[in-house]
Amino acid sequence: MGQAYRDAAGRGLDTVECLNLARAAYRAAGGAGGDETITGMIASLSVERGEWLWGPMDEWWARNVEARVNGVDLG
């Protein structure tokens, strides 16, 4: 579930899309909790392993900001 959220954020997807993919991964792994459980786990990961969770998103953001500054449209 955390990996799915991390990967989605690293592709530049918005929060809703990241949560939807995390929810799907959680359900596929047999998770039975509701959205509060999923958001709670993501919040916990953010505190305990924030660099791991947000690293790909930070890299995506840096690439896109740099490209825009240089006039490159990444689509």
PDB file of N, CA and C in Angstrom:
ATOM      1  N   MET A   1       0.818  -1.163   0.000  1.00  0.00           N
ATOM      2  CA  MET A   1       0.000   0.000   0.000  1.00  0.00           C
ATOM      3  C   MET A   1       0.877   1.247   0.000  1.00  0.00           C
ATOM      4  N   GLY A   2       1.848   1.295   0.875  1.00  0.00           N
ATOM      5  CA  GLY A   2       2.759   2.433   0.904  1.00  0.00           C
ATOM      6  C   GLY A   2       3.558   2.556  -0.378  1.00  0.00           C
ATOM      7  N   GLN A   3       3.977   1.420  -0.896  1.00  0.00           N
ATOM      8  CA  GLN A   3       4.749   1.423  -2.151  1.00  0.00           C
ATOM      9  C   GLN A   3       3.897   1.951  -3.302  1.00  0.00           C
ATOM     10  N   ALA A   4       2.633   1.559  -3.332  1.00  0.00           N
ATOM     11  CA  ALA A   4       1.742   2.035  -4.394  1.00  0.00           C
ATOM     12  C   ALA A   4       1.572   3.552  -4.310  1.00  0.00           C
ATOM     13  N   TYR A   5       1.393   4.072  -3.099  1.00  0.00           N
ATOM     14  CA  TYR A   5       1.251   5.518  -2.919  1.00  0.00           C
ATOM     15  C   TYR A   5       2.530   6.219  -3.340  1.00  0.00           C
ATOM     16  N   ARG A   6       3.666   5.698  -2.889  1.00  0.00           N
ATOM     17  CA  ARG A   6       4.976   6.286  -3.209  1.00  0.00           C
ATOM     18  C   ARG A   6       5.211   6.330  -4.726  1.00  0.00           C
ATOM     19  N   ASP A   7       4.927   5.208  -5.393  1.00  0.00           N
ATOM     20  CA  ASP A   7       5.123   5.136  -6.850  1.00  0.00           C
ATOM     21  C   ASP A   7       4.220   6.124  -7.590  1.00  0.00           C
ATOM     22  N   ALA A   8       2.956   6.212  -7.156  1.00  0.00           N
ATOM     23  CA  ALA A   8       2.012   7.124  -7.810  1.00  0.00           C
ATOM     24  C   ALA A   8       2.442   8.578  -7.619  1.00  0.00           C
ATOM     25  N   ALA A   9       2.854   8.928  -6.418  1.00  0.00           N
ATOM     26  CA  ALA A   9       3.314  10.292  -6.155  1.00  0.00           C
ATOM     27  C   ALA A   9       4.569  10.600  -6.971  1.00  0.00           C
ATOM     28  N   GLY A  10       5.410   9.603  -7.148  1.00  0.00           N
ATOM     29  CA  GLY A  10       6.634   9.772  -7.929  1.00  0.00           C
ATOM     30  C   GLY A  10       6.382   9.941  -9.413  1.00  0.00           C
ATOM     31  N   ARG A  11       5.166   9.603  -9.859  1.00  0.00           N
ATOM     32  CA  ARG A  11       4.776   9.830 -11.258  1.00  0.00           C
ATOM     33  C   ARG A  11       4.029  11.144 -11.420  1.00  0.00           C
ATOM     34  N   GLY A  12       3.896  11.885 -10.308  1.00  0.00           N
ATOM     35  CA  GLY A  12       3.240  13.182 -10.363  1.00  0.00           C
ATOM     36  C   GLY A  12       1.726  13.133 -10.270  1.00  0.00           C
ATOM     37  N   LEU A  13       1.171  11.997  -9.855  1.00  0.00           N
ATOM     38  CA  LEU A  13      -0.283  11.909  -9.735  1.00  0.00           C
ATOM     39  C   LEU A  13      -0.750  12.713  -8.532  1.00  0.00           C
ATOM     40  N   ASP A  14      -2.001  13.165  -8.579  1.00  0.00           N
ATOM     41  CA  ASP A  14      -2.508  13.958  -7.460  1.00  0.00           C
ATOM     42  C   ASP A  14      -2.869  13.053  -6.281  1.00  0.00           C
ATOM     43  N   THR A  15      -3.179  13.682  -5.163  1.00  0.00           N
ATOM     44  CA  THR A  15      -3.429  12.949  -3.921  1.00  0.00           C
ATOM     45  C   THR A  15      -4.564  11.946  -4.053  1.00  0.00           C
ATOM     46  N   VAL A  16      -5.637  12.324  -4.722  1.00  0.00           N
ATOM     47  CA  VAL A  16      -6.788  11.419  -4.881  1.00  0.00           C
ATOM     48  C   VAL A  16      -6.378  10.172  -5.661  1.00  0.00           C
ATOM     49  N   GLU A  17      -5.636  10.358  -6.745  1.00  0.00           N
ATOM     50  CA  GLU A  17      -5.184   9.211  -7.540  1.00  0.00           C
ATOM     51  C   GLU A  17      -4.226   8.333  -6.728  1.00  0.00           C
ATOM     52  N   CYS A  18      -3.339   8.958  -5.971  1.00  0.00           N
ATOM     53  CA  CYS A  18      -2.407   8.200  -5.128  1.00  0.00           C
ATOM     54  C   CYS A  18      -3.170   7.370  -4.105  1.00  0.00           C
ATOM     55  N   LEU A  19      -4.179   7.978  -3.468  1.00  0.00           N
ATOM     56  CA  LEU A  19      -4.983   7.249  -2.483  1.00  0.00           C
ATOM     57  C   LEU A  19      -5.772   6.118  -3.122  1.00  0.00           C
ATOM     58  N   ASN A  20      -6.305   6.343  -4.314  1.00  0.00           N
ATOM     59  CA  ASN A  20      -7.048   5.281  -5.004  1.00  0.00           C
ATOM     60  C   ASN A  20      -6.147   4.083  -5.294  1.00  0.00           C
ATOM     61  N   LEU A  21      -4.926   4.338  -5.735  1.00  0.00           N
ATOM     62  CA  LEU A  21      -3.995   3.245  -6.016  1.00  0.00           C
ATOM     63  C   LEU A  21      -3.548   2.559  -4.732  1.00  0.00           C
ATOM     64  N   ALA A  22      -3.353   3.325  -3.679  1.00  0.00           N
ATOM     65  CA  ALA A  22      -2.987   2.732  -2.385  1.00  0.00           C
ATOM     66  C   ALA A  22      -4.130   1.863  -1.865  1.00  0.00           C
ATOM     67  N   ARG A  23      -5.364   2.347  -2.008  1.00  0.00           N
ATOM     68  CA  ARG A  23      -6.535   1.583  -1.578  1.00  0.00           C
ATOM     69  C   ARG A  23      -6.632   0.268  -2.350  1.00  0.00           C
ATOM     70  N   ALA A  24      -6.425   0.329  -3.648  1.00  0.00           N
ATOM     71  CA  ALA A  24      -6.490  -0.887  -4.473  1.00  0.00           C
ATOM     72  C   ALA A  24      -5.416  -1.885  -4.049  1.00  0.00           C
ATOM     73  N   ALA A  25      -4.221  -1.399  -3.781  1.00  0.00           N
ATOM     74  CA  ALA A  25      -3.135  -2.290  -3.345  1.00  0.00           C
ATOM     75  C   ALA A  25      -3.449  -2.899  -1.980  1.00  0.00           C
ATOM     76  N   TYR A  26      -4.009  -2.101  -1.089  1.00  0.00           N
ATOM     77  CA  TYR A  26      -4.370  -2.570   0.246  1.00  0.00           C
ATOM     78  C   TYR A  26      -5.431  -3.666   0.163  1.00  0.00           C
ATOM     79  N   ARG A  27      -6.437  -3.429  -0.654  1.00  0.00           N
ATOM     80  CA  ARG A  27      -7.505  -4.434  -0.832  1.00  0.00           C
ATOM     81  C   ARG A  27      -6.952  -5.708  -1.489  1.00  0.00           C
ATOM     82  N   ALA A  28      -6.088  -5.543  -2.485  1.00  0.00           N
ATOM     83  CA  ALA A  28      -5.513  -6.709  -3.172  1.00  0.00           C
ATOM     84  C   ALA A  28      -4.679  -7.554  -2.217  1.00  0.00           C
ATOM     85  N   ALA A  29      -4.104  -6.912  -1.202  1.00  0.00           N
ATOM     86  CA  ALA A  29      -3.292  -7.638  -0.220  1.00  0.00           C
ATOM     87  C   ALA A  29      -4.143  -8.220   0.906  1.00  0.00           C
ATOM     88  N   GLY A  30      -5.460  -8.025   0.819  1.00  0.00           N
ATOM     89  CA  GLY A  30      -6.357  -8.588   1.824  1.00  0.00           C
ATOM     90  C   GLY A  30      -6.729  -7.629   2.932  1.00  0.00           C
ATOM     91  N   GLY A  31      -6.356  -6.361   2.803  1.00  0.00           N
ATOM     92  CA  GLY A  31      -6.693  -5.371   3.823  1.00  0.00           C
ATOM     93  C   GLY A  31      -8.187  -5.136   3.889  1.00  0.00           C
ATOM     94  N   ALA A  32      -8.703  -5.012   5.099  1.00  0.00           N
ATOM     95  CA  ALA A  32     -10.141  -4.873   5.270  1.00  0.00           C
ATOM     96  C   ALA A  32     -10.546  -3.559   5.927  1.00  0.00           C
ATOM     97  N   GLY A  33      -9.599  -2.732   6.312  1.00  0.00           N
ATOM     98  CA  GLY A  33      -9.924  -1.465   6.965  1.00  0.00           C
ATOM     99  C   GLY A  33     -10.460  -0.454   5.981  1.00  0.00           C
ATOM    100  N   GLY A  34     -11.052   0.584   6.514  1.00  0.00           N
ATOM    101  CA  GLY A  34     -11.601   1.652   5.687  1.00  0.00           C
ATOM    102  C   GLY A  34     -10.550   2.681   5.308  1.00  0.00           C
ATOM    103  N   ASP A  35     -11.022   3.763   4.707  1.00  0.00           N
ATOM    104  CA  ASP A  35     -10.125   4.830   4.270  1.00  0.00           C
ATOM    105  C   ASP A  35      -9.337   5.434   5.425  1.00  0.00           C
ATOM    106  N   GLU A  36      -9.950   5.479   6.619  1.00  0.00           N
ATOM    107  CA  GLU A  36      -9.240   6.014   7.775  1.00  0.00           C
ATOM    108  C   GLU A  36      -7.997   5.183   8.084  1.00  0.00           C
ATOM    109  N   THR A  37      -8.097   3.886   7.895  1.00  0.00           N
ATOM    110  CA  THR A  37      -6.949   3.002   8.116  1.00  0.00           C
ATOM    111  C   THR A  37      -5.849   3.299   7.114  1.00  0.00           C
ATOM    112  N   ILE A  38      -6.230   3.460   5.865  1.00  0.00           N
ATOM    113  CA  ILE A  38      -5.252   3.710   4.802  1.00  0.00           C
ATOM    114  C   ILE A  38      -4.581   5.066   4.993  1.00  0.00           C
ATOM    115  N   THR A  39      -5.366   6.106   5.233  1.00  0.00           N
ATOM    116  CA  THR A  39      -4.763   7.423   5.430  1.00  0.00           C
ATOM    117  C   THR A  39      -3.926   7.452   6.701  1.00  0.00           C
ATOM    118  N   GLY A  40      -4.330   6.695   7.707  1.00  0.00           N
ATOM    119  CA  GLY A  40      -3.536   6.608   8.932  1.00  0.00           C
ATOM    120  C   GLY A  40      -2.188   5.953   8.677  1.00  0.00           C
ATOM    121  N   MET A  41      -2.167   4.918   7.862  1.00  0.00           N
ATOM    122  CA  MET A  41      -0.901   4.251   7.541  1.00  0.00           C
ATOM    123  C   MET A  41      -0.001   5.170   6.716  1.00  0.00           C
ATOM    124  N   ILE A  42      -0.578   5.914   5.792  1.00  0.00           N
ATOM    125  CA  ILE A  42       0.206   6.851   4.990  1.00  0.00           C
ATOM    126  C   ILE A  42       0.759   7.964   5.885  1.00  0.00           C
ATOM    127  N   ALA A  43      -0.059   8.459   6.796  1.00  0.00           N
ATOM    128  CA  ALA A  43       0.410   9.488   7.734  1.00  0.00           C
ATOM    129  C   ALA A  43       1.559   8.956   8.584  1.00  0.00           C
ATOM    130  N   SER A  44       1.432   7.731   9.043  1.00  0.00           N
ATOM    131  CA  SER A  44       2.494   7.113   9.839  1.00  0.00           C
ATOM    132  C   SER A  44       3.775   6.964   9.028  1.00  0.00           C
ATOM    133  N   LEU A  45       3.651   6.515   7.790  1.00  0.00           N
ATOM    134  CA  LEU A  45       4.820   6.413   6.909  1.00  0.00           C
ATOM    135  C   LEU A  45       5.459   7.776   6.686  1.00  0.00           C
ATOM    136  N   SER A  46       4.626   8.789   6.552  1.00  0.00           N
ATOM    137  CA  SER A  46       5.130  10.133   6.321  1.00  0.00           C
ATOM    138  C   SER A  46       5.987  10.613   7.488  1.00  0.00           C
ATOM    139  N   VAL A  47       5.579  10.272   8.694  1.00  0.00           N
ATOM    140  CA  VAL A  47       6.328  10.674   9.888  1.00  0.00           C
ATOM    141  C   VAL A  47       7.564   9.795  10.076  1.00  0.00           C
ATOM    142  N   GLU A  48       7.370   8.491   9.981  1.00  0.00           N
ATOM    143  CA  GLU A  48       8.445   7.546  10.304  1.00  0.00           C
ATOM    144  C   GLU A  48       9.440   7.335   9.166  1.00  0.00           C
ATOM    145  N   ARG A  49       8.981   7.433   7.930  1.00  0.00           N
ATOM    146  CA  ARG A  49       9.848   7.188   6.771  1.00  0.00           C
ATOM    147  C   ARG A  49       9.584   8.200   5.670  1.00  0.00           C
ATOM    148  N   GLY A  50       9.464   9.457   6.065  1.00  0.00           N
ATOM    149  CA  GLY A  50       9.096  10.519   5.139  1.00  0.00           C
ATOM    150  C   GLY A  50      10.021  10.644   3.944  1.00  0.00           C
ATOM    151  N   GLU A  51      11.312  10.523   4.176  1.00  0.00           N
ATOM    152  CA  GLU A  51      12.254  10.636   3.053  1.00  0.00           C
ATOM    153  C   GLU A  51      12.001   9.535   2.022  1.00  0.00           C
ATOM    154  N   TRP A  52      11.733   8.328   2.490  1.00  0.00           N
ATOM    155  CA  TRP A  52      11.440   7.212   1.586  1.00  0.00           C
ATOM    156  C   TRP A  52      10.120   7.469   0.846  1.00  0.00           C
ATOM    157  N   LEU A  53       9.080   7.864   1.592  1.00  0.00           N
ATOM    158  CA  LEU A  53       7.752   8.029   1.000  1.00  0.00           C
ATOM    159  C   LEU A  53       7.716   9.175  -0.008  1.00  0.00           C
ATOM    160  N   TRP A  54       8.320  10.304   0.340  1.00  0.00           N
ATOM    161  CA  TRP A  54       8.195  11.503  -0.483  1.00  0.00           C
ATOM    162  C   TRP A  54       9.352  11.716  -1.444  1.00  0.00           C
ATOM    163  N   GLY A  55      10.414  10.938  -1.342  1.00  0.00           N
ATOM    164  CA  GLY A  55      11.572  11.119  -2.215  1.00  0.00           C
ATOM    165  C   GLY A  55      11.237  11.131  -3.702  1.00  0.00           C
ATOM    166  N   PRO A  56      10.513  10.133  -4.220  1.00  0.00           N
ATOM    167  CA  PRO A  56      10.182  10.126  -5.645  1.00  0.00           C
ATOM    168  C   PRO A  56       9.331  11.324  -6.076  1.00  0.00           C
ATOM    169  N   MET A  57       8.410  11.756  -5.209  1.00  0.00           N
ATOM    170  CA  MET A  57       7.600  12.922  -5.541  1.00  0.00           C
ATOM    171  C   MET A  57       8.472  14.177  -5.581  1.00  0.00           C
ATOM    172  N   ASP A  58       9.381  14.299  -4.625  1.00  0.00           N
ATOM    173  CA  ASP A  58      10.290  15.452  -4.621  1.00  0.00           C
ATOM    174  C   ASP A  58      11.138  15.483  -5.888  1.00  0.00           C
ATOM    175  N   GLU A  59      11.617  14.323  -6.323  1.00  0.00           N
ATOM    176  CA  GLU A  59      12.418  14.248  -7.547  1.00  0.00           C
ATOM    177  C   GLU A  59      11.585  14.619  -8.766  1.00  0.00           C
ATOM    178  N   TRP A  60      10.349  14.125  -8.836  1.00  0.00           N
ATOM    179  CA  TRP A  60       9.462  14.459  -9.945  1.00  0.00           C
ATOM    180  C   TRP A  60       9.218  15.960  -9.981  1.00  0.00           C
ATOM    181  N   TRP A  61       8.925  16.537  -8.813  1.00  0.00           N
ATOM    182  CA  TRP A  61       8.657  17.966  -8.722  1.00  0.00           C
ATOM    183  C   TRP A  61       9.868  18.764  -9.194  1.00  0.00           C
ATOM    184  N   ALA A  62      11.059  18.387  -8.731  1.00  0.00           N
ATOM    185  CA  ALA A  62      12.282  19.103  -9.117  1.00  0.00           C
ATOM    186  C   ALA A  62      12.502  19.047 -10.632  1.00  0.00           C
ATOM    187  N   ARG A  63      12.292  17.882 -11.234  1.00  0.00           N
ATOM    188  CA  ARG A  63      12.459  17.745 -12.691  1.00  0.00           C
ATOM    189  C   ARG A  63      11.480  18.637 -13.437  1.00  0.00           C
ATOM    190  N   ASN A  64      10.242  18.655 -12.993  1.00  0.00           N
ATOM    191  CA  ASN A  64       9.213  19.426 -13.686  1.00  0.00           C
ATOM    192  C   ASN A  64       9.392  20.918 -13.501  1.00  0.00           C
ATOM    193  N   VAL A  65       9.780  21.345 -12.347  1.00  0.00           N
ATOM    194  CA  VAL A  65      10.028  22.767 -12.123  1.00  0.00           C
ATOM    195  C   VAL A  65      11.210  23.218 -12.963  1.00  0.00           C
ATOM    196  N   GLU A  66      12.279  22.421 -12.970  1.00  0.00           N
ATOM    197  CA  GLU A  66      13.455  22.763 -13.775  1.00  0.00           C
ATOM    198  C   GLU A  66      13.090  22.830 -15.258  1.00  0.00           C
ATOM    199  N   ALA A  67      12.292  21.876 -15.718  1.00  0.00           N
ATOM    200  CA  ALA A  67      11.899  21.868 -17.128  1.00  0.00           C
ATOM    201  C   ALA A  67      11.086  23.107 -17.466  1.00  0.00           C
ATOM    202  N   ARG A  68      10.159  23.474 -16.607  1.00  0.00           N
ATOM    203  CA  ARG A  68       9.331  24.657 -16.870  1.00  0.00           C
ATOM    204  C   ARG A  68      10.169  25.925 -16.875  1.00  0.00           C
ATOM    205  N   VAL A  69      11.143  26.001 -15.968  1.00  0.00           N
ATOM    206  CA  VAL A  69      12.033  27.160 -15.924  1.00  0.00           C
ATOM    207  C   VAL A  69      12.802  27.266 -17.226  1.00  0.00           C
ATOM    208  N   ASN A  70      13.160  26.112 -17.790  1.00  0.00           N
ATOM    209  CA  ASN A  70      13.919  26.090 -19.043  1.00  0.00           C
ATOM    210  C   ASN A  70      13.020  26.072 -20.274  1.00  0.00           C
ATOM    211  N   GLY A  71      11.705  26.211 -20.088  1.00  0.00           N
ATOM    212  CA  GLY A  71      10.776  26.292 -21.205  1.00  0.00           C
ATOM    213  C   GLY A  71      10.462  24.967 -21.877  1.00  0.00           C
ATOM    214  N   VAL A  72      10.671  23.861 -21.171  1.00  0.00           N
ATOM    215  CA  VAL A  72      10.393  22.542 -21.725  1.00  0.00           C
ATOM    216  C   VAL A  72       9.036  22.082 -21.215  1.00  0.00           C
ATOM    217  N   ASP A  73       8.154  21.671 -22.121  1.00  0.00           N
ATOM    218  CA  ASP A  73       6.843  21.150 -21.756  1.00  0.00           C
ATOM    219  C   ASP A  73       6.941  19.641 -21.640  1.00  0.00           C
ATOM    220  N   LEU A  74       6.756  19.121 -20.424  1.00  0.00           N
ATOM    221  CA  LEU A  74       6.829  17.670 -20.214  1.00  0.00           C
ATOM    222  C   LEU A  74       5.475  16.996 -20.375  1.00  0.00           C
ATOM    223  N   GLY A  75       4.486  17.746 -20.785  1.00  0.00           N
ATOM    224  CA  GLY A  75       3.171  17.159 -21.043  1.00  0.00           C
ATOM    225  C   GLY A  75       2.397  17.103 -19.822  1.00  0.00           C
TER     226      GLY A  75
END
